[in-house]
Protein backbone atom coordinates (compact mmCIF):
# COMPACT_ATOMS: atom_id res chain seq x y z
CA MET A 1 0.00 0.00 0.00
CA GLY A 2 1.53 3.31 -1.12
CA ASN A 3 1.93 6.54 0.78
CA ILE A 4 -1.53 8.00 1.36
CA PHE A 5 -0.26 11.45 0.37
CA ASP A 6 0.67 10.10 -3.07
CA ARG A 7 -2.79 8.67 -3.63
CA SER A 8 -4.35 10.04 -6.82
CA LEU A 9 -7.66 11.86 -6.63
CA ASN A 10 -8.41 10.91 -10.24
CA GLY A 11 -9.00 14.46 -11.39
CA ARG A 12 -11.12 15.41 -8.37
CA GLY A 13 -8.38 17.42 -6.65
CA THR A 14 -9.40 20.77 -8.13
CA MET A 15 -13.04 20.05 -7.30
CA VAL A 16 -12.17 19.25 -3.66
CA LEU A 17 -10.10 22.43 -3.29
CA THR A 18 -12.75 24.55 -5.01
CA GLY A 19 -15.46 23.13 -2.78
CA THR A 20 -13.41 23.92 0.34
CA VAL A 21 -12.79 27.50 -0.79
CA VAL A 22 -16.48 27.99 -1.65
CA LEU A 23 -17.46 26.67 1.79
CA PHE A 24 -15.03 29.09 3.43
CA CYS A 25 -16.52 31.98 1.43
CA LEU A 26 -20.05 30.96 2.45
CA LEU A 27 -18.95 31.29 6.09
CA TRP A 28 -16.66 34.30 5.70
CA VAL A 29 -18.82 36.66 3.62
CA PRO A 30 -21.91 36.48 5.90
CA MET A 31 -19.62 37.25 8.86
CA CYS A 32 -18.47 40.34 7.02
CA MET A 33 -22.04 41.31 6.19
CA ARG A 34 -23.03 41.07 9.85
CA GLY A 35 -20.32 43.52 10.78
CA ALA A 36 -17.96 40.88 12.15
CA PRO A 37 -15.42 40.81 9.35
CA PRO A 38 -13.07 38.22 9.49
CA ASN A 39 -11.94 38.92 13.06
CA LYS A 40 -13.96 36.03 14.50
CA PHE A 41 -12.77 33.63 11.83
CA THR A 42 -9.14 34.70 11.85
CA LYS A 43 -8.94 34.43 15.64
CA LEU A 44 -8.81 30.68 15.01
CA VAL A 45 -5.24 31.10 13.75
CA GLY A 46 -4.25 33.66 16.37
CA ILE A 47 -4.97 36.98 14.61
CA SER A 48 -6.17 39.69 16.99
CA ASP A 49 -8.94 42.18 16.23
CA SER A 50 -8.20 45.21 14.07
CA TRP A 51 -9.43 48.72 14.76
CA ILE A 52 -11.92 48.53 11.93
CA PRO A 53 -12.87 45.98 9.26
CA PHE A 54 -10.32 45.68 6.44
CA MET A 55 -7.83 48.11 7.92
CA ASP A 56 -5.54 48.27 4.88
CA THR A 57 -8.41 48.80 2.45
CA TYR A 58 -9.51 51.65 4.70
CA ASN A 59 -6.11 53.29 4.26
CA ILE A 60 -7.01 53.73 0.58
CA THR A 61 -10.72 54.58 0.89
CA SER A 62 -9.98 57.19 3.57
CA GLY A 63 -7.23 58.55 1.35
CA ILE A 64 -9.74 58.94 -1.48
CA ASP A 65 -12.07 60.93 0.78
CA CYS A 66 -9.34 63.20 2.16
CA SER A 67 -7.80 63.80 -1.27
CA ARG A 68 -11.17 65.26 -2.31
CA LEU A 69 -10.82 67.69 0.61
CA GLY A 70 -7.46 68.85 -0.75
CA TYR A 71 -5.09 66.93 1.54
CA ASP A 72 -1.85 65.39 0.32
CA VAL A 73 -2.76 61.98 1.74
CA LEU A 74 0.77 60.62 1.27
CA VAL A 75 1.79 63.08 3.99
CA ASN A 76 -1.34 63.57 6.09
CA ASP A 77 -4.64 61.69 6.05
CA PRO A 78 -6.90 62.88 8.91
CA CYS A 79 -9.75 60.80 7.45
CA ASP A 80 -7.95 57.60 8.50
CA VAL A 81 -9.15 56.12 11.78
CA VAL A 82 -5.61 56.15 13.22
CA ASN A 83 -4.28 59.09 11.15
CA ARG A 84 -2.05 56.97 8.92
CA PRO A 85 -0.73 58.60 5.74
CA MET A 86 -1.69 56.57 2.69
CA ASN A 87 1.31 54.33 1.98
CA TYR A 88 0.31 53.27 -1.53
CA PRO A 89 1.01 54.89 -4.91
CA ARG A 90 -1.27 57.78 -5.79
CA ALA A 91 -2.74 55.71 -8.67
CA TRP A 92 -5.08 54.09 -6.12
CA LEU A 93 -6.87 57.44 -5.74
CA LEU A 94 -8.27 56.97 -9.24
CA ALA A 95 -10.64 54.42 -7.69
CA GLY A 96 -12.54 57.42 -6.35
CA ARG A 97 -13.81 58.04 -9.87
CA LEU A 98 -15.73 54.77 -9.54
CA GLY A 99 -17.61 56.20 -6.59
CA ILE A 100 -15.53 54.41 -3.95
CA THR A 101 -15.48 56.10 -0.54
CA ARG A 102 -15.03 55.05 3.09
CA SER A 103 -18.63 53.86 3.05
CA SER A 104 -17.58 51.35 0.35
CA ASN A 105 -14.85 49.88 2.53
CA LEU A 106 -16.70 46.73 3.57
CA TRP A 107 -17.64 45.78 0.02
CA CYS A 108 -14.15 46.57 -1.26
CA GLY A 109 -12.58 44.34 1.43
CA ILE A 110 -14.91 41.47 0.58
CA ALA A 111 -14.21 41.90 -3.14
CA ILE A 112 -10.44 41.83 -2.55
CA GLY A 113 -10.74 38.58 -0.59
CA LEU A 114 -12.95 36.90 -3.19
CA LEU A 115 -10.67 38.04 -6.02
CA PHE A 116 -7.64 36.58 -4.27
CA LEU A 117 -9.30 33.24 -3.51
CA SER A 118 -10.51 32.97 -7.12
CA SER A 119 -6.99 33.60 -8.40
CA VAL A 120 -5.65 30.83 -6.14
CA LEU A 121 -8.09 28.43 -7.80
CA LEU A 122 -6.78 29.61 -11.18
CA LEU A 123 -3.26 28.72 -10.05
CA ALA A 124 -3.82 25.50 -8.09
CA ARG A 125 -4.19 22.13 -9.81
CA PRO A 126 -3.89 19.50 -7.04
CA SER A 127 -3.99 15.90 -8.21
CA THR A 128 -3.15 13.90 -5.06
CA VAL A 129 -4.09 13.89 -1.39
CA GLY A 130 -0.66 15.36 -0.62
CA HIS A 131 -1.25 18.27 -2.99
CA ILE A 132 -4.60 19.01 -1.33
CA CYS A 133 -2.97 18.98 2.11
CA ILE A 134 -0.29 21.42 0.94
CA TRP A 135 -2.78 23.86 -0.56
CA LEU A 136 -5.11 23.79 2.43
CA SER A 137 -2.13 24.26 4.78
CA VAL A 138 -1.01 27.44 3.06
CA LEU A 139 -4.44 28.76 2.12
CA PHE A 140 -5.65 28.82 5.72
CA SER A 141 -2.32 29.84 7.22
CA TRP A 142 -1.71 32.91 9.36
CA PRO A 143 -0.38 35.22 6.58
CA VAL A 144 -3.30 34.51 4.22
CA MET A 145 -5.88 35.02 6.98
CA PHE A 146 -4.01 38.17 8.00
CA GLY A 147 -4.20 39.50 4.44
CA LEU A 148 -7.91 38.72 4.25
CA GLN A 149 -8.61 40.38 7.58
CA ARG A 150 -6.75 43.53 6.59
CA GLY A 151 -8.05 43.58 3.02
CA ASN A 152 -4.49 44.18 1.91
CA VAL A 153 -3.93 45.16 -1.71
CA ASP A 154 -1.09 42.65 -2.05
CA LEU A 155 -3.95 40.21 -2.61
CA ILE A 156 -5.04 42.26 -5.65
CA ILE A 157 -1.47 42.22 -6.94
CA PHE A 158 -1.41 38.45 -6.50
CA ALA A 159 -4.61 38.16 -8.54
CA LEU A 160 -3.29 40.42 -11.32
CA MET A 161 -0.06 38.45 -11.57
CA SER A 162 -1.97 35.14 -11.54
CA LEU A 163 -4.06 36.36 -14.47
CA ALA A 164 -0.90 37.54 -16.26
CA LEU A 165 0.67 34.10 -15.83
CA TYR A 166 -2.50 32.40 -17.07
CA LEU A 167 -2.60 34.58 -20.20
CA ARG A 168 1.12 33.99 -20.71
CA PHE A 169 0.55 30.24 -20.52
CA LYS A 170 -2.13 30.63 -23.19
CA GLY A 171 0.38 32.30 -25.51
CA GLY A 172 -0.27 35.96 -24.77
CA LEU A 173 2.53 38.50 -24.55
CA TRP A 174 1.30 42.09 -24.50
CA ALA A 175 -1.66 41.46 -22.19
CA PRO A 176 0.53 39.76 -19.54
CA ALA A 177 3.09 42.56 -19.91
CA ILE A 178 0.38 45.18 -19.33
CA LEU A 179 -0.86 43.32 -16.25
CA PHE A 180 2.68 43.07 -14.85
CA GLY A 181 3.16 46.78 -15.56
CA LEU A 182 -0.15 47.67 -13.87
CA SER A 183 0.88 45.59 -10.83
CA ALA A 184 4.15 47.52 -10.59
CA VAL A 185 2.36 50.87 -10.86
CA LEU A 186 0.01 49.87 -8.03
CA LYS A 187 2.59 48.38 -5.64
CA LEU A 188 6.13 48.87 -7.10
CA PHE A 189 7.69 45.53 -6.03
CA PRO A 190 6.17 43.50 -8.94
CA VAL A 191 8.86 45.12 -11.11
CA LEU A 192 11.10 42.39 -9.68
CA ALA A 193 9.12 39.75 -11.58
CA PHE A 194 9.33 41.33 -15.06
CA PRO A 195 12.10 38.92 -16.27
CA VAL A 196 9.53 36.11 -16.25
CA LEU A 197 8.37 37.47 -19.61
CA LEU A 198 11.56 36.04 -21.14
CA LEU A 199 10.27 32.51 -20.53
CA ASP A 200 8.69 31.22 -23.72
CA ARG A 201 8.20 27.86 -25.39
CA ASP A 202 8.43 29.38 -28.88
CA PRO A 203 12.06 30.21 -29.78
CA ARG A 204 10.85 32.48 -32.57
CA ARG A 205 9.40 34.90 -30.02
CA LEU A 206 12.48 35.27 -27.82
CA LYS A 207 13.63 38.45 -29.60
CA THR A 208 10.14 39.92 -29.33
CA ASN A 209 10.07 39.04 -25.64
CA ARG A 210 13.28 40.98 -25.07
CA VAL A 211 11.80 44.01 -26.81
CA VAL A 212 8.63 43.79 -24.69
CA LEU A 213 10.68 43.42 -21.49
CA LEU A 214 12.87 46.39 -22.38
CA SER A 215 9.78 48.47 -23.21
CA LEU A 216 8.20 47.50 -19.89
CA TYR A 217 11.28 48.47 -17.90
CA THR A 218 11.57 51.74 -19.83
CA ALA A 219 7.93 52.61 -19.14
CA PHE A 220 8.31 51.77 -15.46
CA ALA A 221 11.52 53.83 -15.21
CA CYS A 222 9.66 56.82 -16.66
CA TYR A 223 6.83 56.29 -14.19
CA ALA A 224 9.28 55.99 -11.27
CA LEU A 225 11.09 59.18 -12.28
CA ALA A 226 7.81 61.07 -12.71
CA THR A 227 6.58 59.98 -9.28
CA ALA A 228 9.92 59.92 -7.45
CA GLY A 229 8.66 62.39 -4.85
CA ASP A 230 5.63 60.23 -4.12
CA ILE A 231 7.78 57.10 -3.85
CA VAL A 232 9.97 58.80 -1.23
CA LYS A 233 6.85 59.79 0.74
CA ILE A 234 5.47 56.25 0.53
CA PHE A 235 8.67 54.68 1.86
CA SER A 236 8.82 57.31 4.60
CA ALA A 237 5.27 56.46 5.68
CA LEU A 238 5.70 52.68 5.59
CA PRO A 239 5.51 51.17 9.07
CA GLN A 240 8.64 49.17 9.90
CA TYR A 241 7.48 46.42 12.22
CA LEU A 242 9.67 43.45 13.08
CA SER A 243 6.92 41.21 14.44
CA ALA A 244 4.74 39.21 12.03
CA SER A 245 7.15 40.15 9.23
CA TYR A 246 10.03 38.76 7.19
CA GLY A 247 13.15 40.21 5.66
CA ALA A 248 16.77 41.09 6.40
CA PRO A 249 15.86 43.66 9.10
CA VAL A 250 13.78 40.99 10.84
CA TRP A 251 16.51 38.36 10.66
CA ALA A 252 18.96 40.98 11.93
CA GLN A 253 17.27 40.70 15.33
CA SER A 254 18.91 37.31 15.78
CA LEU A 255 22.33 38.57 14.68
CA HIS A 256 21.94 41.57 16.97
CA LEU A 257 21.37 39.34 20.01
CA ILE A 258 23.98 36.73 19.07
CA THR A 259 26.84 39.07 18.12
CA HIS A 260 25.96 42.00 20.44
CA VAL A 261 26.63 44.48 17.63
CA GLY A 262 24.41 47.49 17.00
CA TYR A 263 21.12 46.82 15.24
CA SER A 264 22.00 48.88 12.13
CA THR A 265 25.26 46.95 11.85
CA ALA A 266 23.32 43.70 12.25
CA VAL A 267 21.04 44.70 9.36
CA SER A 268 24.05 45.29 7.11
CA MET A 269 25.53 41.95 8.22
CA ALA A 270 22.22 40.22 7.50
CA ARG A 271 22.08 41.62 3.97
CA ILE A 272 25.70 40.67 3.23
CA ILE A 273 25.16 37.12 4.50
CA LEU A 274 21.88 36.80 2.59
CA VAL A 275 23.40 38.03 -0.68
CA ALA A 276 26.28 35.56 -0.22
CA CYS A 277 23.82 32.71 0.47
CA VAL A 278 21.67 33.62 -2.54
CA LEU A 279 24.65 33.84 -4.91
CA THR A 280 26.21 30.62 -3.60
CA THR A 281 23.05 28.54 -3.84
CA PHE A 282 22.19 30.10 -7.20
CA LEU A 283 25.58 29.07 -8.61
CA ILE A 284 25.24 25.58 -7.12
CA GLY A 285 21.85 25.28 -8.82
CA TYR A 286 23.25 26.59 -12.09
CA PHE A 287 26.27 24.29 -12.26
CA ARG A 288 25.10 21.27 -10.28
CA GLY A 289 21.35 21.26 -10.81
CA ARG A 290 21.32 20.05 -14.40
CA THR A 291 18.91 17.21 -13.65
CA LEU A 292 16.65 19.22 -11.35
CA LEU A 293 14.51 20.54 -14.19
CA ARG A 294 13.33 18.31 -16.98
CA ASN A 295 11.14 18.75 -20.02
CA SER A 296 8.28 17.07 -18.15
CA VAL A 297 7.98 20.18 -15.96
CA SER A 298 4.98 22.36 -16.82
CA TYR A 299 5.79 25.68 -18.50
CA GLY A 300 3.06 27.37 -16.46
CA ASN A 301 4.41 25.98 -13.18
CA LEU A 302 7.95 27.06 -14.06
CA SER A 303 6.78 30.62 -14.83
CA ALA A 304 4.76 30.79 -11.63
CA PHE A 305 7.74 29.59 -9.59
CA ALA A 306 9.94 32.27 -11.15
CA VAL A 307 7.49 34.98 -10.03
CA GLY A 308 7.29 33.65 -6.48
CA SER A 309 11.04 33.19 -6.17
CA LEU A 310 11.97 36.60 -7.59
CA VAL A 311 9.45 38.45 -5.43
CA PHE A 312 10.18 36.63 -2.16
CA CYS A 313 13.98 36.51 -2.38
CA SER A 314 14.32 40.13 -3.54
CA THR A 315 11.93 41.59 -0.97
CA PHE A 316 13.58 39.45 1.74
CA VAL A 317 17.00 40.95 1.08
CA ALA A 318 15.73 44.49 0.51
CA ALA A 319 13.41 45.30 3.40
CA SER A 320 11.05 44.27 6.18
CA ASN A 321 7.77 42.95 4.76
CA PHE A 322 4.49 42.25 6.50
CA ALA A 323 3.52 38.59 6.72
CA TYR A 324 0.77 38.77 4.09
CA ARG A 325 3.49 39.01 1.41
CA TYR A 326 4.19 35.35 2.12
CA CYS A 327 1.16 34.82 -0.14
CA PHE A 328 3.46 35.13 -3.14
CA LEU A 329 5.08 31.86 -2.08
CA LEU A 330 1.91 30.18 -3.37
CA PHE A 331 3.36 30.72 -6.85
CA ALA A 332 6.17 28.26 -6.01
CA ILE A 333 3.88 25.42 -4.94
CA PRO A 334 2.85 24.12 -8.42
CA LEU A 335 6.51 23.44 -9.29
CA GLY A 336 6.92 21.80 -5.90
CA GLN A 337 4.03 19.52 -6.86
CA ASP A 338 5.86 18.58 -10.07
CA PHE A 339 8.91 17.63 -8.00
CA LEU A 340 6.85 15.65 -5.48
CA ASP A 341 5.37 13.57 -8.29
CA ASP A 342 8.89 12.53 -9.36
CA THR A 343 11.54 10.43 -7.64
CA GLY A 344 15.06 10.81 -6.27
CA LYS A 345 16.61 14.24 -5.74
CA ARG A 346 13.74 16.07 -7.43
CA ARG A 347 11.28 14.60 -4.95
CA GLN A 348 13.56 15.48 -2.03
CA VAL A 349 13.86 19.09 -3.24
CA GLY A 350 10.09 19.23 -3.65
CA GLN A 351 9.60 18.00 -0.10
CA LEU A 352 12.05 20.57 1.26
CA LEU A 353 10.45 23.37 -0.77
CA CYS A 354 6.84 22.64 0.21
CA ALA A 355 7.68 21.86 3.85
CA SER A 356 9.68 25.10 4.18
CA ILE A 357 6.85 27.17 2.73
CA ILE A 358 4.31 25.62 5.10
CA ILE A 359 6.54 26.02 8.16
CA CYS A 360 7.38 29.64 7.25
CA MET A 361 3.72 30.53 6.88
CA TRP A 362 2.75 28.91 10.19
CA THR A 363 5.65 30.05 12.38
CA VAL A 364 5.78 33.73 11.36
CA ARG A 365 3.45 34.62 14.24
CA LEU A 366 5.98 33.09 16.65
CA SER A 367 8.65 35.59 15.61
CA GLY A 368 11.16 35.94 18.43
CA LYS A 369 9.37 33.42 20.66
CA VAL A 370 10.80 30.06 19.60
CA ALA A 371 14.53 30.74 19.20
CA TYR A 372 13.81 32.65 15.97
CA LEU A 373 12.68 29.45 14.29
CA ASP A 374 10.69 31.33 11.66
CA GLN A 375 13.65 33.50 10.65
CA THR A 376 15.96 30.49 10.35
CA ILE A 377 13.45 28.67 8.15
CA ASP A 378 13.00 31.85 6.08
CA VAL A 379 16.72 31.95 5.27
CA PHE A 380 16.69 28.24 4.46
CA LEU A 381 13.74 28.78 2.12
CA VAL A 382 15.53 31.65 0.37
CA CYS A 383 18.45 29.28 -0.27
CA ILE A 384 16.15 26.58 -1.72
CA LEU A 385 14.42 29.10 -3.98
CA SER A 386 17.80 30.44 -5.16
CA LEU A 387 19.03 26.90 -5.85
CA ILE A 388 16.04 26.07 -8.04
CA THR A 389 16.24 29.49 -9.72
CA GLY A 390 19.86 28.78 -10.65
CA ALA A 391 18.80 25.49 -12.22
CA LEU A 392 15.97 27.33 -14.00
CA VAL A 393 18.33 29.93 -15.50
CA ARG A 394 20.62 27.17 -16.82
CA PHE A 395 17.61 25.27 -18.15
CA VAL A 396 16.47 28.35 -20.08
CA ALA A 397 20.01 29.30 -21.20
CA LYS A 398 20.36 25.88 -22.83
CA GLY A 399 17.13 26.44 -24.77
CA ASN A 400 15.27 23.63 -23.02
CA GLN A 401 12.22 25.81 -22.31
CA THR A 402 11.07 25.34 -25.90
CA GLN A 403 10.36 21.67 -25.12
CA LEU A 404 8.29 22.25 -21.96
CA ALA A 405 4.86 20.73 -21.50
């Protein structure tokens, strides 16, 4: 009798996952409608109440209202319940032209949650009991519930990038590029995932892909220069919390306590060590991971992994990030499923990848409480992602992507 986690669901995996998500929505949405947005539900995974429903959505809707009163909401937003400046690009204020105000906050928060959950179903294709367990473990983890409770716009970015990947898988080029560009305008960090557009099964389009990528970077550079003042204000207003977060400044807490150096010095040390780890594991993957990726790997899964790896590793090294950004690790799970369905080293790497993602997403709330377990696993996960990314770059450099499934 085989491992129960390897047992095939005979095509019913997607149906089981969809049914579970629908059931969650049938419980979650009525709670929101009764004025108990997801606080009651998210308390099950240890998330405390927020000041108001969908706190992060409110940061935008209040900004829309105060911008109509003439305030520069990137500096001062008295309409916000706790007087937070809006820490999102000014493009979000255009939503006010759709009639969105603070009174729309509840509906906007619900819509963000439903959009995110729908995009997960677009991404996920579980085929075994093990796959289902992985998806349910991450989907109902602390960071995802945190993002739903806050109504954070990272969930919108996740949905936009999921749609871009889906259209890319279907052979599109300009539509995915526009969606990636829109994501970067709305939240900046998706610019890190632009190189994914170079992945293509058709060798005849590689030159076109380079032109599209260059055009996208040029357009974003123009946008960044035109809004440089706003970007400085946004980064100045960003809260820098070390609890329930990930990144080099968070990991630096451990180095600070172990080495007894100043915290700023510890942050610099953390970044140097992380860059060294990323480069080392990337090179190991590039030169020693020749058999890690094969032509049986799905093109869509490989593209999704590249997005998740680029976003997580880059944001980890660059800054402190709230826990809901762990959601982008969901992009790496489909490739992990491909590895789990294989044997030997590929299966072992798949087990390490999926286990690390699950542990990271469930231990982040314990930050600083269990010997910095979450931060140690985070660094380990960054190394695994870099290793596979190195193998991916070699795979593409050798032209093997044109033979992908």
